[in-house]
Amino acid sequence: MLLSARPLKNVASANVFEYANTFEWTSGDTVTVFFQLIFPLDPSIWSFNVLSTDLCTGTANLRLSLNQGGIITQGVLKNAFRVQSTTTI
C-alpha cells in the first residue's frame, strides 16, 4: 500500500483546518507545514518546521515514510512545495 497525504492550511486544531493544493511560502520565512495522512482509519495530522535559515526555493516533492511496528509504508506528494524567492530579477 502506498502512503499519501493532503496539504493543510489555516490549521487551528485537529478539527479546524482547510485543505490546500500545495504548501506555499516565501524563501526566508519560518513556517510550520501541516499535512493529513490518507491512511485507512487514521486521518492523522502531522507537521514539521521549516526554518528561515533552511535553503528552500522553487518546487519540490514531499517524501513520506511511516514505520508502524516494523512495517514501512512510503509515498510521495509530487510538487508539494512552492517556495517563492525573495530575490527579484
N, C-alpha and C. Protein backbone atom coordinates (compact mmCIF):
# COMPACT_ATOMS: atom_id res chain seq x y z
N MET A 1 0.84 -1.18 0.00
CA MET A 1 0.00 0.00 0.00
C MET A 1 0.88 1.24 0.00
N LEU A 2 0.50 2.24 -0.78
CA LEU A 2 1.23 3.49 -0.81
C LEU A 2 0.65 4.47 0.20
N LEU A 3 1.51 5.27 0.74
CA LEU A 3 1.12 6.29 1.70
C LEU A 3 0.91 7.60 0.94
N SER A 4 -0.15 8.31 1.29
CA SER A 4 -0.40 9.60 0.68
C SER A 4 -0.82 10.59 1.76
N ALA A 5 -0.84 11.86 1.40
CA ALA A 5 -1.19 12.90 2.36
C ALA A 5 -1.80 14.07 1.62
N ARG A 6 -2.52 14.91 2.38
CA ARG A 6 -3.11 16.13 1.85
C ARG A 6 -2.48 17.32 2.55
N PRO A 7 -2.06 18.32 1.80
CA PRO A 7 -1.57 19.56 2.42
C PRO A 7 -2.71 20.27 3.15
N LEU A 8 -2.38 20.89 4.27
CA LEU A 8 -3.37 21.64 5.05
C LEU A 8 -2.91 23.08 5.22
N LYS A 9 -3.88 23.98 5.39
CA LYS A 9 -3.58 25.38 5.71
C LYS A 9 -4.55 25.86 6.76
N ASN A 10 -4.24 26.98 7.37
CA ASN A 10 -5.08 27.59 8.41
C ASN A 10 -5.45 26.57 9.49
N VAL A 11 -4.46 25.83 9.97
CA VAL A 11 -4.69 24.79 10.98
C VAL A 11 -4.76 25.44 12.36
N ALA A 12 -5.90 25.30 13.02
CA ALA A 12 -6.09 25.80 14.37
C ALA A 12 -6.13 24.66 15.38
N SER A 13 -6.63 23.49 14.94
CA SER A 13 -6.69 22.31 15.80
C SER A 13 -6.89 21.09 14.91
N ALA A 14 -7.03 19.93 15.53
CA ALA A 14 -7.25 18.69 14.77
C ALA A 14 -8.58 18.69 14.04
N ASN A 15 -9.49 19.57 14.46
CA ASN A 15 -10.81 19.64 13.83
C ASN A 15 -11.06 20.91 13.03
N VAL A 16 -10.13 21.86 13.10
CA VAL A 16 -10.30 23.13 12.42
C VAL A 16 -9.11 23.36 11.49
N PHE A 17 -9.33 23.16 10.19
CA PHE A 17 -8.30 23.34 9.18
C PHE A 17 -8.94 23.38 7.81
N GLU A 18 -8.16 23.76 6.81
CA GLU A 18 -8.61 23.76 5.42
C GLU A 18 -7.63 22.94 4.59
N TYR A 19 -8.14 22.30 3.55
CA TYR A 19 -7.27 21.58 2.63
C TYR A 19 -6.64 22.57 1.66
N ALA A 20 -5.43 22.28 1.23
CA ALA A 20 -4.71 23.11 0.26
C ALA A 20 -4.23 22.23 -0.89
N ASN A 21 -3.89 22.86 -2.00
CA ASN A 21 -3.33 22.10 -3.12
C ASN A 21 -1.84 21.88 -2.96
N THR A 22 -1.14 22.87 -2.40
CA THR A 22 0.29 22.80 -2.18
C THR A 22 0.64 23.58 -0.92
N PHE A 23 1.88 23.42 -0.47
CA PHE A 23 2.42 24.24 0.60
C PHE A 23 3.14 25.40 -0.06
N GLU A 24 2.80 26.63 0.29
CA GLU A 24 3.42 27.79 -0.34
C GLU A 24 3.91 28.77 0.71
N TRP A 25 5.14 29.27 0.50
CA TRP A 25 5.68 30.31 1.35
C TRP A 25 6.82 30.99 0.62
N THR A 26 7.36 32.04 1.23
CA THR A 26 8.46 32.81 0.64
C THR A 26 9.76 32.37 1.30
N SER A 27 10.79 32.19 0.48
CA SER A 27 12.11 31.82 0.98
C SER A 27 12.55 32.79 2.07
N GLY A 28 13.06 32.27 3.16
CA GLY A 28 13.48 33.11 4.29
C GLY A 28 12.44 33.18 5.40
N ASP A 29 11.22 32.70 5.13
CA ASP A 29 10.19 32.66 6.16
C ASP A 29 10.36 31.41 7.03
N THR A 30 9.94 31.51 8.28
CA THR A 30 9.84 30.33 9.15
C THR A 30 8.38 29.90 9.10
N VAL A 31 8.13 28.65 8.71
CA VAL A 31 6.77 28.15 8.58
C VAL A 31 6.65 26.77 9.21
N THR A 32 5.43 26.44 9.61
CA THR A 32 5.11 25.09 10.02
C THR A 32 4.25 24.49 8.93
N VAL A 33 4.69 23.37 8.38
CA VAL A 33 4.00 22.69 7.29
C VAL A 33 3.13 21.60 7.91
N PHE A 34 1.82 21.66 7.64
CA PHE A 34 0.87 20.67 8.15
C PHE A 34 0.36 19.81 7.01
N PHE A 35 0.19 18.52 7.27
CA PHE A 35 -0.42 17.63 6.29
C PHE A 35 -1.18 16.53 7.02
N GLN A 36 -2.17 16.00 6.34
CA GLN A 36 -3.00 14.93 6.90
C GLN A 36 -2.70 13.65 6.13
N LEU A 37 -2.32 12.61 6.86
CA LEU A 37 -2.09 11.32 6.23
C LEU A 37 -3.40 10.75 5.71
N ILE A 38 -3.34 10.15 4.55
CA ILE A 38 -4.50 9.46 3.99
C ILE A 38 -4.18 7.98 4.11
N PHE A 39 -4.68 7.38 5.18
CA PHE A 39 -4.34 6.01 5.57
C PHE A 39 -5.58 5.39 6.17
N PRO A 40 -5.88 4.14 5.91
CA PRO A 40 -7.13 3.53 6.40
C PRO A 40 -7.37 3.77 7.89
N LEU A 41 -8.50 4.39 8.19
CA LEU A 41 -8.97 4.66 9.56
C LEU A 41 -8.02 5.49 10.40
N ASP A 42 -7.12 6.26 9.76
CA ASP A 42 -6.16 7.06 10.52
C ASP A 42 -5.86 8.38 9.81
N PRO A 43 -6.77 9.37 9.91
CA PRO A 43 -6.52 10.66 9.27
C PRO A 43 -5.65 11.57 10.15
N SER A 44 -4.47 11.09 10.53
CA SER A 44 -3.59 11.83 11.42
C SER A 44 -3.11 13.13 10.79
N ILE A 45 -2.95 14.15 11.61
CA ILE A 45 -2.37 15.41 11.17
C ILE A 45 -0.94 15.48 11.70
N TRP A 46 -0.01 15.74 10.79
CA TRP A 46 1.41 15.81 11.12
C TRP A 46 1.93 17.18 10.71
N SER A 47 3.06 17.56 11.28
CA SER A 47 3.67 18.82 10.90
C SER A 47 5.18 18.75 11.07
N PHE A 48 5.85 19.67 10.41
CA PHE A 48 7.28 19.89 10.63
C PHE A 48 7.57 21.36 10.36
N ASN A 49 8.66 21.84 10.93
CA ASN A 49 9.03 23.24 10.79
C ASN A 49 10.07 23.43 9.70
N VAL A 50 9.93 24.51 8.96
CA VAL A 50 10.93 24.96 8.01
C VAL A 50 11.46 26.27 8.57
N LEU A 51 12.75 26.30 8.87
CA LEU A 51 13.35 27.49 9.47
C LEU A 51 13.75 28.50 8.41
N SER A 52 13.88 29.74 8.82
CA SER A 52 14.25 30.81 7.88
C SER A 52 15.64 30.57 7.29
N THR A 53 16.47 29.81 7.98
CA THR A 53 17.83 29.52 7.50
C THR A 53 17.89 28.30 6.60
N ASP A 54 16.79 27.53 6.48
CA ASP A 54 16.76 26.38 5.58
C ASP A 54 16.76 26.87 4.13
N LEU A 55 17.59 26.25 3.32
CA LEU A 55 17.70 26.66 1.92
C LEU A 55 16.61 25.98 1.11
N CYS A 56 15.54 26.70 0.87
CA CYS A 56 14.40 26.19 0.10
C CYS A 56 14.02 27.22 -0.94
N THR A 57 13.87 26.78 -2.17
CA THR A 57 13.35 27.64 -3.22
C THR A 57 12.87 26.79 -4.37
N GLY A 58 11.87 27.26 -5.09
CA GLY A 58 11.34 26.52 -6.22
C GLY A 58 10.25 25.55 -5.82
N THR A 59 10.11 24.50 -6.62
CA THR A 59 9.09 23.48 -6.40
C THR A 59 9.77 22.17 -6.02
N ALA A 60 9.22 21.47 -5.03
CA ALA A 60 9.83 20.22 -4.57
C ALA A 60 8.77 19.21 -4.15
N ASN A 61 9.18 17.96 -4.10
CA ASN A 61 8.31 16.86 -3.66
C ASN A 61 8.45 16.66 -2.16
N LEU A 62 7.43 16.08 -1.55
CA LEU A 62 7.47 15.66 -0.15
C LEU A 62 7.51 14.14 -0.13
N ARG A 63 8.58 13.58 0.40
CA ARG A 63 8.71 12.12 0.51
C ARG A 63 8.28 11.70 1.91
N LEU A 64 7.42 10.70 1.97
CA LEU A 64 6.87 10.22 3.24
C LEU A 64 7.35 8.79 3.51
N SER A 65 7.61 8.51 4.78
CA SER A 65 7.96 7.16 5.20
C SER A 65 7.39 6.95 6.59
N LEU A 66 6.50 5.99 6.74
CA LEU A 66 5.84 5.72 8.01
C LEU A 66 6.23 4.32 8.47
N ASN A 67 6.75 4.22 9.69
CA ASN A 67 7.15 2.95 10.26
C ASN A 67 6.19 2.60 11.39
N GLN A 68 5.39 1.56 11.19
CA GLN A 68 4.44 1.10 12.21
C GLN A 68 4.78 -0.34 12.56
N GLY A 69 5.42 -0.51 13.71
CA GLY A 69 5.76 -1.86 14.17
C GLY A 69 6.64 -2.62 13.19
N GLY A 70 7.56 -1.92 12.54
CA GLY A 70 8.46 -2.57 11.61
C GLY A 70 7.94 -2.65 10.18
N ILE A 71 6.69 -2.29 9.98
CA ILE A 71 6.12 -2.26 8.62
C ILE A 71 6.27 -0.84 8.10
N ILE A 72 7.03 -0.68 7.01
CA ILE A 72 7.32 0.63 6.46
C ILE A 72 6.48 0.87 5.21
N THR A 73 5.74 1.98 5.23
CA THR A 73 4.93 2.40 4.10
C THR A 73 5.48 3.73 3.60
N GLN A 74 5.63 3.86 2.28
CA GLN A 74 6.21 5.07 1.73
C GLN A 74 5.30 5.71 0.70
N GLY A 75 5.53 6.97 0.45
CA GLY A 75 4.77 7.68 -0.58
C GLY A 75 5.45 8.98 -0.95
N VAL A 76 4.95 9.62 -2.00
CA VAL A 76 5.49 10.89 -2.47
C VAL A 76 4.34 11.81 -2.85
N LEU A 77 4.40 13.04 -2.38
CA LEU A 77 3.49 14.09 -2.85
C LEU A 77 4.27 14.91 -3.86
N LYS A 78 3.95 14.75 -5.12
CA LYS A 78 4.69 15.45 -6.17
C LYS A 78 4.34 16.93 -6.19
N ASN A 79 5.37 17.74 -6.36
CA ASN A 79 5.23 19.20 -6.40
C ASN A 79 4.48 19.75 -5.20
N ALA A 80 4.77 19.21 -4.03
CA ALA A 80 4.06 19.60 -2.81
C ALA A 80 4.44 20.99 -2.33
N PHE A 81 5.69 21.42 -2.60
CA PHE A 81 6.17 22.70 -2.10
C PHE A 81 6.35 23.70 -3.22
N ARG A 82 5.94 24.93 -2.98
CA ARG A 82 6.23 26.06 -3.87
C ARG A 82 6.79 27.17 -3.01
N VAL A 83 8.08 27.36 -3.12
CA VAL A 83 8.75 28.37 -2.31
C VAL A 83 9.19 29.50 -3.22
N GLN A 84 8.65 30.68 -2.98
CA GLN A 84 8.96 31.85 -3.78
C GLN A 84 10.27 32.46 -3.31
N SER A 85 11.09 32.86 -4.24
CA SER A 85 12.35 33.51 -3.92
C SER A 85 12.10 34.96 -3.50
N THR A 86 12.91 35.45 -2.60
CA THR A 86 12.80 36.86 -2.19
C THR A 86 13.59 37.76 -3.13
N THR A 87 14.36 37.17 -4.04
CA THR A 87 15.17 37.93 -4.97
C THR A 87 14.37 38.22 -6.24
N THR A 88 14.44 39.43 -6.70
CA THR A 88 13.78 39.78 -7.96
C THR A 88 14.82 39.92 -9.06
N ILE A 89 14.42 39.58 -10.25
CA ILE A 89 15.37 39.65 -11.38
C ILE A 89 15.10 40.91 -12.19
